[in-house]
Amino acid sequence: MFVNSRSAQGRAARGMRAGVGIAVGAALVASLGACSSEPAESGPVTLTFQTWVPNIEPVVENFNEQHDDIQVEVEAITAGPDGGYAAMLSAVDAGNPADVAQVGYDQMASFLLRNALEDITEYVQDDVDVFSEWQLAANTFNDRIYGIPQASGPMGMFYRTDLFEQYGVAVPTTWEEYEQAARQIRAANPEAYIAVFAANQAPWIMGLAEQAGTPWFQAEGDEWAVDIANEDTLRMAEFWQRMIDEDLVKIENDLSSEWYADIQAGRVLSWMSGSWADAIIRGNAPDTAGLWGAAELPQWDAAEPRSASWGGGSSNVVLRGSDHPREAAEFALWLNSNVDSVSMLTEAGAGWPAISDVDSVPAIQDSPEVFEFFGGQDIWDVFAASNEQIALDWTWPPLTDSLYGFVTDEMRSAVESGTPLPQAFENIETRMVDEMEAAGLAVAR
């Protein structure tokens, strides 16, 4: 069985919280049993690093200046299944991969299914305790490490402080309060909404499901248990169906030109998104500087707060077939654990740091431009709390590209054709089970 080590780490760290596994079949486990263990070469080696992080070249140059034995060349790639991922997998199959590559947490199981990753445990196991527990767990399978976590997008709620105050709306801490706030806003200004329902954003929908409680995928022996239409997800779906039916949220794609106009004009008052979204708001609504704040997600159970990460996060992996796995692992580890490097990555827009000690990261502690835009609030306190509330039980399955497509299709059908949201999640489950079985994965019935 191929098990994601969120299970073991969750049990050890949280005792009462059940672990969750990933099963991808005994044949895959056998194929992953042998990893490269070539000794390091004498003299300098050159690595290729494929990444989509913008402006990362100065960070890599900082590494090069501090290491005579390893030099790294950056190769910019496009994020997503049809861009960088396809190129990575093709290169692995052809035997000429890059050494280090950027891979999302949501893609780790799919890359393992393709036997595309090197086991780097022997190179990094003594140094990975610096990373956030849930982010390290997303890169650990069968107690073996296949990636170094880089960053994530813990979710929070950005909101217009001035308009919440003008309309007499308190910042909601529960979903019941969120619904009440939506009603108050609609009553105060018929042109305004608390938020949009963004049917185009599968990561947002799945983040809401993750925060709601029960995970969609678990392992039972060598089989997958798929429970997308679970009680907690259906509760979340019924909530948003009511918000749609009663015109309490606007039906609109986020990050669209219409959405940007609504954000700028104060017709949409909040956005639940990842920590990185501050830059989107600052860059696209500059005239609203000083009028925004950030808060944690509303809770279903305030006594047991739970959060989620937008799309998981991203790792630096060593691709199978690298001629220099040891040096590649050393680079990936340094890049994402050296405090100066992490600070530079954060400033470059990589996302929320994967290391646990974010208090040591200058870019987190001193962000005057960000704090000023958000009315003097240190918004990173909100996302630090969110990161701590991300549970260990959510697991990304193989075939996530198909999953994203099913979620988007069914959400659009719900808003365009009137399919009830609870039924949409039933449909997603049916389609995903069929897809997994067609790919040869065993699914528990």
Protein backbone atom coordinates (compact mmCIF):
# COMPACT_ATOMS: atom_id res chain seq x y z
CA MET A 1 0.00 0.00 0.00
CA PHE A 2 1.17 3.54 -0.78
CA VAL A 3 0.40 5.70 2.23
CA ASN A 4 0.61 9.45 2.59
CA SER A 5 2.33 10.12 5.89
CA ARG A 6 -0.16 12.70 6.97
CA SER A 7 -1.65 9.65 8.68
CA ALA A 8 1.27 8.77 10.90
CA GLN A 9 2.25 12.35 11.59
CA GLY A 10 -1.33 13.30 12.40
CA ARG A 11 -1.70 10.45 14.88
CA ALA A 12 1.62 11.22 16.53
CA ALA A 13 0.99 14.93 16.76
CA ARG A 14 -2.74 15.05 17.40
CA GLY A 15 -3.60 11.71 18.92
CA MET A 16 -7.33 11.92 18.56
CA ARG A 17 -7.34 12.87 14.89
CA ALA A 18 -7.50 9.91 12.50
CA GLY A 19 -4.89 9.60 9.78
CA VAL A 20 -5.59 9.56 6.08
CA GLY A 21 -3.69 7.58 3.43
CA ILE A 22 -3.07 7.45 -0.26
CA ALA A 23 -3.23 4.06 -1.95
CA VAL A 24 -2.03 3.76 -5.50
CA GLY A 25 -1.48 0.04 -5.73
CA ALA A 26 1.14 -2.53 -4.84
CA ALA A 27 2.72 -2.44 -8.28
CA LEU A 28 3.52 1.24 -7.91
CA VAL A 29 5.05 0.72 -4.49
CA ALA A 30 7.37 -1.88 -5.95
CA SER A 31 8.39 0.44 -8.77
CA LEU A 32 9.23 3.15 -6.27
CA GLY A 33 11.19 0.87 -4.01
CA ALA A 34 14.51 1.61 -5.67
CA CYS A 35 15.70 5.20 -5.66
CA SER A 36 18.88 6.68 -6.99
CA SER A 37 21.69 6.76 -4.50
CA GLU A 38 24.62 7.83 -6.62
CA PRO A 39 27.51 9.31 -4.68
CA ALA A 40 28.11 13.00 -5.09
CA GLU A 41 30.54 13.89 -7.84
CA SER A 42 33.86 15.50 -7.04
CA GLY A 43 33.96 19.07 -8.25
CA PRO A 44 31.09 21.37 -9.17
CA VAL A 45 27.92 20.11 -10.83
CA THR A 46 25.30 22.06 -12.73
CA LEU A 47 21.60 21.55 -12.02
CA THR A 48 18.55 22.62 -14.01
CA PHE A 49 15.64 23.98 -11.97
CA GLN A 50 12.19 24.23 -13.58
CA THR A 51 9.89 26.68 -11.81
CA TRP A 52 7.03 29.08 -12.40
CA VAL A 53 7.81 31.36 -9.41
CA PRO A 54 8.29 34.88 -10.78
CA ASN A 55 11.52 36.78 -10.18
CA ILE A 56 13.20 33.76 -8.61
CA GLU A 57 16.53 34.27 -10.39
CA PRO A 58 18.04 36.45 -7.61
CA VAL A 59 17.19 33.77 -5.05
CA VAL A 60 18.95 31.10 -7.09
CA GLU A 61 21.90 33.39 -7.72
CA ASN A 62 22.21 33.82 -3.96
CA PHE A 63 22.55 30.04 -3.69
CA ASN A 64 25.12 29.93 -6.49
CA GLU A 65 27.24 32.59 -4.80
CA GLN A 66 27.33 30.57 -1.60
CA HIS A 67 28.07 27.19 -3.18
CA ASP A 68 31.18 26.42 -5.20
CA ASP A 69 30.29 22.77 -5.69
CA ILE A 70 26.75 23.23 -7.06
CA GLN A 71 25.51 25.73 -9.64
CA VAL A 72 21.86 26.02 -10.60
CA GLU A 73 20.33 27.26 -13.84
CA VAL A 74 16.70 28.40 -13.85
CA GLU A 75 14.32 27.28 -16.57
CA ALA A 76 11.01 29.12 -16.46
CA ILE A 77 7.94 26.97 -17.08
CA THR A 78 4.20 27.47 -17.20
CA ALA A 79 2.21 26.13 -14.28
CA GLY A 80 -0.48 23.56 -14.93
CA PRO A 81 -1.10 20.20 -16.58
CA ASP A 82 -0.80 21.41 -20.16
CA GLY A 83 2.35 23.42 -19.54
CA GLY A 84 5.19 22.54 -17.23
CA TYR A 85 3.81 19.27 -15.88
CA ALA A 86 3.39 17.74 -19.31
CA ALA A 87 6.92 18.78 -20.25
CA MET A 88 8.35 17.39 -17.01
CA LEU A 89 6.69 14.00 -17.42
CA SER A 90 7.69 13.74 -21.06
CA ALA A 91 11.30 14.49 -20.15
CA VAL A 92 11.25 11.87 -17.39
CA ASP A 93 9.92 9.28 -19.84
CA ALA A 94 12.61 10.27 -22.35
CA GLY A 95 15.37 10.00 -19.76
CA ASN A 96 16.46 13.65 -19.86
CA PRO A 97 14.61 15.44 -17.05
CA ALA A 98 15.50 18.60 -15.22
CA ASP A 99 17.08 17.95 -11.84
CA VAL A 100 14.72 19.97 -9.66
CA ALA A 101 11.16 20.96 -10.52
CA GLN A 102 8.21 22.83 -9.08
CA VAL A 103 5.26 20.51 -8.45
CA GLY A 104 2.03 21.31 -6.62
CA TYR A 105 0.99 19.32 -3.57
CA ASP A 106 -2.14 18.44 -5.53
CA GLN A 107 0.03 16.75 -8.17
CA MET A 108 2.38 14.71 -5.97
CA ALA A 109 0.27 11.54 -6.10
CA SER A 110 -0.12 11.85 -9.86
CA PHE A 111 3.65 12.20 -10.32
CA LEU A 112 4.20 9.18 -8.08
CA LEU A 113 1.67 7.24 -10.11
CA ARG A 114 3.90 7.97 -13.12
CA ASN A 115 7.01 6.97 -11.15
CA ALA A 116 8.45 10.42 -11.89
CA LEU A 117 9.99 11.35 -8.52
CA GLU A 118 13.21 10.41 -6.75
CA ASP A 119 13.07 9.30 -3.12
CA ILE A 120 15.23 11.92 -1.39
CA THR A 121 14.83 10.67 2.17
CA GLU A 122 18.47 9.73 2.70
CA TYR A 123 19.62 13.20 1.67
CA VAL A 124 17.22 15.37 3.71
CA GLN A 125 15.65 13.36 6.54
CA ASP A 126 17.83 14.92 9.25
CA ASP A 127 16.92 18.49 8.26
CA VAL A 128 13.21 18.57 7.44
CA ASP A 129 11.94 19.22 10.97
CA VAL A 130 12.02 22.94 10.15
CA PHE A 131 8.93 22.60 7.96
CA SER A 132 5.26 22.96 8.81
CA GLU A 133 3.85 19.58 9.75
CA TRP A 134 1.04 19.49 7.22
CA GLN A 135 3.22 20.76 4.39
CA LEU A 136 5.96 18.19 5.03
CA ALA A 137 3.28 15.50 5.26
CA ALA A 138 2.02 16.46 1.81
CA ASN A 139 5.43 15.42 0.47
CA THR A 140 5.86 12.21 2.50
CA PHE A 141 4.55 8.82 1.40
CA ASN A 142 5.21 5.46 3.07
CA ASP A 143 7.46 7.41 5.43
CA ARG A 144 9.63 8.36 2.46
CA ILE A 145 10.21 11.97 1.40
CA TYR A 146 9.63 12.82 -2.27
CA GLY A 147 9.62 16.61 -2.17
CA ILE A 148 10.70 19.65 -0.19
CA PRO A 149 7.74 21.89 0.63
CA GLN A 150 8.14 25.45 -0.56
CA ALA A 151 4.97 27.41 0.04
CA SER A 152 1.20 27.25 0.33
CA GLY A 153 -1.83 29.49 0.31
CA PRO A 154 -3.63 29.27 3.67
CA MET A 155 -7.05 30.77 3.20
CA GLY A 156 -8.55 33.82 4.82
CA MET A 157 -11.14 36.48 4.06
CA PHE A 158 -10.14 39.86 2.65
CA TYR A 159 -12.89 42.43 3.22
CA ARG A 160 -13.68 46.13 2.90
CA THR A 161 -13.42 47.49 6.43
CA ASP A 162 -14.99 50.84 5.51
CA LEU A 163 -18.09 49.35 3.91
CA PHE A 164 -18.58 46.73 6.61
CA GLU A 165 -18.55 49.60 9.10
CA GLN A 166 -20.79 51.80 6.95
CA TYR A 167 -23.39 49.04 6.64
CA GLY A 168 -23.15 48.10 10.32
CA VAL A 169 -21.80 44.62 9.59
CA ALA A 170 -19.59 42.77 12.06
CA VAL A 171 -16.84 40.59 10.67
CA PRO A 172 -18.35 37.07 10.68
CA THR A 173 -16.60 34.38 12.67
CA THR A 174 -19.11 31.59 11.88
CA TRP A 175 -20.95 30.67 8.69
CA GLU A 176 -24.23 31.56 10.37
CA GLU A 177 -22.87 35.05 11.00
CA TYR A 178 -21.61 35.16 7.41
CA GLU A 179 -25.11 34.57 6.08
CA GLN A 180 -26.48 37.27 8.38
CA ALA A 181 -23.77 39.67 7.21
CA ALA A 182 -24.73 38.94 3.59
CA ARG A 183 -28.35 39.81 4.36
CA GLN A 184 -27.36 43.06 6.06
CA ILE A 185 -25.25 44.12 3.10
CA ARG A 186 -28.02 43.40 0.59
CA ALA A 187 -30.50 45.34 2.73
CA ALA A 188 -28.16 48.30 3.10
CA ASN A 189 -27.18 48.50 -0.58
CA PRO A 190 -29.12 46.53 -3.22
CA GLU A 191 -26.15 46.81 -5.58
CA ALA A 192 -23.68 45.28 -3.12
CA TYR A 193 -22.88 41.67 -2.22
CA ILE A 194 -20.71 40.17 0.47
CA ALA A 195 -18.97 38.01 -2.14
CA VAL A 196 -19.35 36.16 -5.43
CA PHE A 197 -20.00 32.49 -5.97
CA ALA A 198 -17.14 31.70 -8.34
CA ALA A 199 -18.10 28.59 -10.28
CA ASN A 200 -14.87 28.91 -12.27
CA GLN A 201 -12.63 28.27 -9.27
CA ALA A 202 -12.33 24.58 -8.43
CA PRO A 203 -9.55 25.26 -5.86
CA TRP A 204 -11.88 27.68 -4.03
CA ILE A 205 -14.75 25.19 -4.02
CA MET A 206 -12.45 22.42 -2.80
CA GLY A 207 -11.01 24.72 -0.15
CA LEU A 208 -14.52 25.26 1.19
CA ALA A 209 -15.02 21.48 1.23
CA GLU A 210 -11.70 20.90 2.97
CA GLN A 211 -12.60 23.46 5.63
CA ALA A 212 -16.05 21.92 6.07
CA GLY A 213 -14.60 18.72 7.51
CA THR A 214 -14.68 15.22 6.04
CA PRO A 215 -11.94 14.59 3.44
CA TRP A 216 -12.91 13.43 -0.03
CA PHE A 217 -10.32 10.67 -0.36
CA GLN A 218 -8.97 8.04 2.03
CA ALA A 219 -7.19 4.72 1.71
CA GLU A 220 -8.60 1.35 2.65
CA GLY A 221 -5.90 -1.23 2.14
CA ASP A 222 -4.89 -0.95 -1.50
CA GLU A 223 -8.12 0.74 -2.48
CA TRP A 224 -9.30 4.33 -2.59
CA ALA A 225 -12.35 5.31 -0.57
CA VAL A 226 -14.02 8.23 -2.33
CA ASP A 227 -16.53 10.26 -0.33
CA ILE A 228 -16.95 13.58 -2.11
CA ALA A 229 -20.67 13.84 -1.38
CA ASN A 230 -20.14 13.44 2.36
CA GLU A 231 -22.29 14.98 5.06
CA ASP A 232 -19.96 17.93 5.69
CA THR A 233 -19.56 18.77 2.00
CA LEU A 234 -23.31 18.54 1.46
CA ARG A 235 -23.89 20.87 4.43
CA MET A 236 -21.52 23.34 2.79
CA ALA A 237 -23.30 22.88 -0.56
CA GLU A 238 -26.72 23.47 0.96
CA PHE A 239 -25.41 26.65 2.59
CA TRP A 240 -24.18 28.08 -0.70
CA GLN A 241 -27.31 26.92 -2.52
CA ARG A 242 -29.37 28.99 -0.08
CA MET A 243 -27.04 31.97 -0.57
CA ILE A 244 -27.53 31.67 -4.35
CA ASP A 245 -31.31 31.11 -4.20
CA GLU A 246 -31.85 34.14 -1.99
CA ASP A 247 -29.55 36.39 -4.03
CA LEU A 248 -27.13 36.85 -1.13
CA VAL A 249 -24.06 36.30 -3.33
CA LYS A 250 -23.39 37.39 -6.88
CA ILE A 251 -22.89 34.74 -9.55
CA GLU A 252 -19.66 35.84 -11.18
CA ASN A 253 -16.27 34.42 -12.05
CA ASP A 254 -13.57 35.79 -9.83
CA LEU A 255 -10.46 37.27 -11.43
CA SER A 256 -12.66 38.28 -14.39
CA SER A 257 -12.87 41.85 -15.68
CA GLU A 258 -16.37 42.13 -14.19
CA TRP A 259 -15.14 40.92 -10.82
CA TYR A 260 -12.22 43.36 -10.79
CA ALA A 261 -14.65 46.19 -11.55
CA ASP A 262 -16.92 45.11 -8.69
CA ILE A 263 -13.98 44.90 -6.27
CA GLN A 264 -12.79 48.35 -7.27
CA ALA A 265 -16.27 49.89 -6.99
CA GLY A 266 -17.21 48.29 -3.68
CA ARG A 267 -20.02 46.19 -5.14
CA VAL A 268 -18.29 43.02 -3.91
CA LEU A 269 -17.10 43.47 -0.34
CA SER A 270 -14.99 40.41 0.37
CA TRP A 271 -12.95 37.60 -1.14
CA MET A 272 -12.01 34.30 0.48
CA SER A 273 -8.68 33.33 -1.01
CA GLY A 274 -5.10 32.30 -0.32
CA SER A 275 -2.55 34.44 1.50
CA TRP A 276 -1.00 35.46 -1.83
CA ALA A 277 -4.21 37.24 -2.88
CA ASP A 278 -3.23 40.44 -1.10
CA ALA A 279 -1.01 41.25 -4.10
CA ILE A 280 -3.94 40.80 -6.50
CA ILE A 281 -6.10 43.21 -4.53
CA ARG A 282 -3.31 45.75 -4.12
CA GLY A 283 -2.39 45.55 -7.78
CA ASN A 284 -5.92 45.79 -9.16
CA ALA A 285 -7.69 48.09 -6.70
CA PRO A 286 -4.99 50.63 -5.75
CA ASP A 287 -7.54 53.40 -5.12
CA THR A 288 -8.93 51.37 -2.20
CA ALA A 289 -5.67 51.47 -0.25
CA GLY A 290 -6.26 51.61 3.49
CA LEU A 291 -9.82 50.32 3.17
CA TRP A 292 -9.18 46.57 3.44
CA GLY A 293 -8.68 44.12 6.26
CA ALA A 294 -8.18 40.40 6.60
CA ALA A 295 -9.88 37.86 8.84
CA GLU A 296 -9.86 34.10 9.34
CA LEU A 297 -12.45 32.01 7.54
CA PRO A 298 -15.86 31.70 9.19
CA GLN A 299 -16.18 28.44 11.10
CA TRP A 300 -18.72 25.65 11.15
CA ASP A 301 -17.69 24.85 14.72
CA ALA A 302 -16.00 27.74 16.50
CA ALA A 303 -14.79 25.37 19.23
CA GLU A 304 -12.76 23.38 16.68
CA PRO A 305 -11.47 25.88 14.13
CA ARG A 306 -10.44 24.45 10.80
CA SER A 307 -8.91 26.07 7.75
CA ALA A 308 -7.76 25.09 4.26
CA SER A 309 -5.14 25.94 1.69
CA TRP A 310 -6.03 27.15 -1.80
CA GLY A 311 -4.89 24.34 -4.08
CA GLY A 312 -2.61 22.87 -1.43
CA GLY A 313 0.80 24.40 -2.10
CA SER A 314 3.93 23.65 -4.09
CA SER A 315 7.09 21.63 -3.63
CA ASN A 316 10.51 21.33 -5.14
CA VAL A 317 11.04 17.73 -6.22
CA VAL A 318 13.93 15.80 -7.72
CA LEU A 319 12.74 14.24 -10.95
CA ARG A 320 13.49 10.57 -11.59
CA GLY A 321 16.55 10.22 -13.75
CA SER A 322 18.43 13.25 -12.44
CA ASP A 323 22.16 12.65 -12.68
CA HIS A 324 22.69 14.49 -9.41
CA PRO A 325 19.91 13.58 -6.94
CA ARG A 326 22.00 14.33 -3.85
CA GLU A 327 22.97 17.81 -5.00
CA ALA A 328 19.46 18.46 -6.28
CA ALA A 329 18.01 17.57 -2.89
CA GLU A 330 20.60 19.77 -1.17
CA PHE A 331 19.58 22.73 -3.35
CA ALA A 332 15.84 22.17 -2.78
CA LEU A 333 16.39 21.96 0.96
CA TRP A 334 18.52 25.11 1.12
CA LEU A 335 16.18 27.08 -1.12
CA ASN A 336 13.21 26.47 1.15
CA SER A 337 14.78 26.44 4.62
CA ASN A 338 17.50 29.10 4.54
CA VAL A 339 15.82 32.13 6.14
CA ASP A 340 17.24 34.67 3.68
CA SER A 341 16.17 32.50 0.76
CA VAL A 342 12.69 32.00 2.20
CA SER A 343 12.31 35.75 2.71
CA MET A 344 13.34 36.41 -0.88
CA LEU A 345 10.93 33.74 -2.13
CA THR A 346 8.12 35.31 -0.14
CA GLU A 347 8.85 38.72 -1.60
CA ALA A 348 8.95 37.17 -5.08
CA GLY A 349 5.41 35.81 -4.62
CA ALA A 350 6.07 32.13 -3.98
CA GLY A 351 3.38 31.97 -1.28
CA TRP A 352 3.20 31.33 2.45
CA PRO A 353 6.52 29.88 3.66
CA ALA A 354 6.65 26.17 4.38
CA ILE A 355 8.98 26.58 7.35
CA SER A 356 7.35 26.59 10.77
CA ASP A 357 9.25 29.56 12.18
CA VAL A 358 7.69 32.32 10.08
CA ASP A 359 8.66 34.79 12.81
CA SER A 360 12.21 34.49 11.51
CA VAL A 361 11.25 35.56 7.97
CA PRO A 362 11.89 39.29 7.44
CA ALA A 363 9.41 39.55 4.56
CA ILE A 364 6.65 38.34 6.88
CA GLN A 365 7.62 40.49 9.86
CA ASP A 366 8.26 43.71 7.98
CA SER A 367 5.86 44.41 5.10
CA PRO A 368 5.15 48.15 5.34
CA GLU A 369 3.59 48.38 1.88
CA VAL A 370 1.23 45.51 2.61
CA PHE A 371 0.36 46.66 6.12
CA GLU A 372 -0.32 50.22 4.93
CA PHE A 373 -2.70 49.02 2.22
CA PHE A 374 -4.60 47.02 4.82
CA GLY A 375 -5.10 49.97 7.13
CA GLY A 376 -2.09 49.21 9.30
CA GLN A 377 -3.16 45.63 10.02
CA ASP A 378 -0.50 42.94 10.14
CA ILE A 379 -2.50 40.60 7.94
CA TRP A 380 0.16 37.89 8.17
CA ASP A 381 -1.03 37.14 11.71
CA VAL A 382 -4.32 36.02 10.16
CA PHE A 383 -2.64 33.66 7.72
CA ALA A 384 -0.23 32.32 10.32
CA ALA A 385 -3.29 31.30 12.36
CA SER A 386 -4.94 29.87 9.25
CA ASN A 387 -1.86 27.80 8.45
CA GLU A 388 -1.93 26.30 11.94
CA GLN A 389 -5.57 25.31 11.50
CA ILE A 390 -5.07 23.30 8.31
CA ALA A 391 -5.87 19.70 9.16
CA LEU A 392 -3.71 16.70 8.33
CA ASP A 393 -6.58 14.63 6.99
CA TRP A 394 -7.08 16.20 3.55
CA THR A 395 -5.30 14.16 0.90
CA TRP A 396 -4.83 14.92 -2.78
CA PRO A 397 -5.52 11.90 -5.01
CA PRO A 398 -4.04 11.01 -8.38
CA LEU A 399 -5.82 12.46 -11.40
CA THR A 400 -6.41 15.85 -9.80
CA ASP A 401 -6.56 17.50 -13.23
CA SER A 402 -9.65 15.42 -13.96
CA LEU A 403 -11.04 16.25 -10.53
CA TYR A 404 -10.62 20.00 -11.12
CA GLY A 405 -12.39 19.63 -14.45
CA PHE A 406 -15.32 17.75 -12.91
CA VAL A 407 -15.70 20.33 -10.14
CA THR A 408 -15.68 23.23 -12.58
CA ASP A 409 -18.12 21.51 -14.96
CA GLU A 410 -20.60 20.68 -12.23
CA MET A 411 -20.39 24.09 -10.54
CA ARG A 412 -21.03 25.84 -13.84
CA SER A 413 -23.95 23.51 -14.49
CA ALA A 414 -25.32 24.41 -11.09
CA VAL A 415 -25.30 28.15 -11.72
CA GLU A 416 -26.20 28.03 -15.42
CA SER A 417 -28.69 25.17 -15.57
CA GLY A 418 -29.98 25.06 -12.03
CA THR A 419 -28.52 21.74 -10.92
CA PRO A 420 -28.75 21.79 -7.10
CA LEU A 421 -25.31 22.05 -5.55
CA PRO A 422 -25.73 18.89 -3.43
CA GLN A 423 -26.53 16.97 -6.63
CA ALA A 424 -23.50 18.54 -8.31
CA PHE A 425 -21.23 17.01 -5.68
CA GLU A 426 -22.93 13.64 -6.14
CA ASN A 427 -22.16 13.97 -9.85
CA ILE A 428 -18.53 14.87 -9.17
CA GLU A 429 -18.13 11.75 -7.05
CA THR A 430 -19.63 9.50 -9.71
CA ARG A 431 -17.43 10.96 -12.44
CA MET A 432 -14.27 10.80 -10.34
CA VAL A 433 -14.84 7.16 -9.35
CA ASP A 434 -15.36 6.26 -13.01
CA GLU A 435 -12.17 8.12 -13.96
CA MET A 436 -10.09 6.42 -11.28
CA GLU A 437 -11.33 2.97 -12.19
CA ALA A 438 -10.67 3.64 -15.87
CA ALA A 439 -7.07 4.50 -14.90
CA GLY A 440 -6.70 1.15 -13.16
CA LEU A 441 -7.01 2.43 -9.59
CA ALA A 442 -8.97 0.27 -7.15
CA VAL A 443 -11.90 2.11 -5.61
CA ALA A 444 -13.73 0.79 -2.56
CA ARG A 445 -17.43 0.25 -3.22
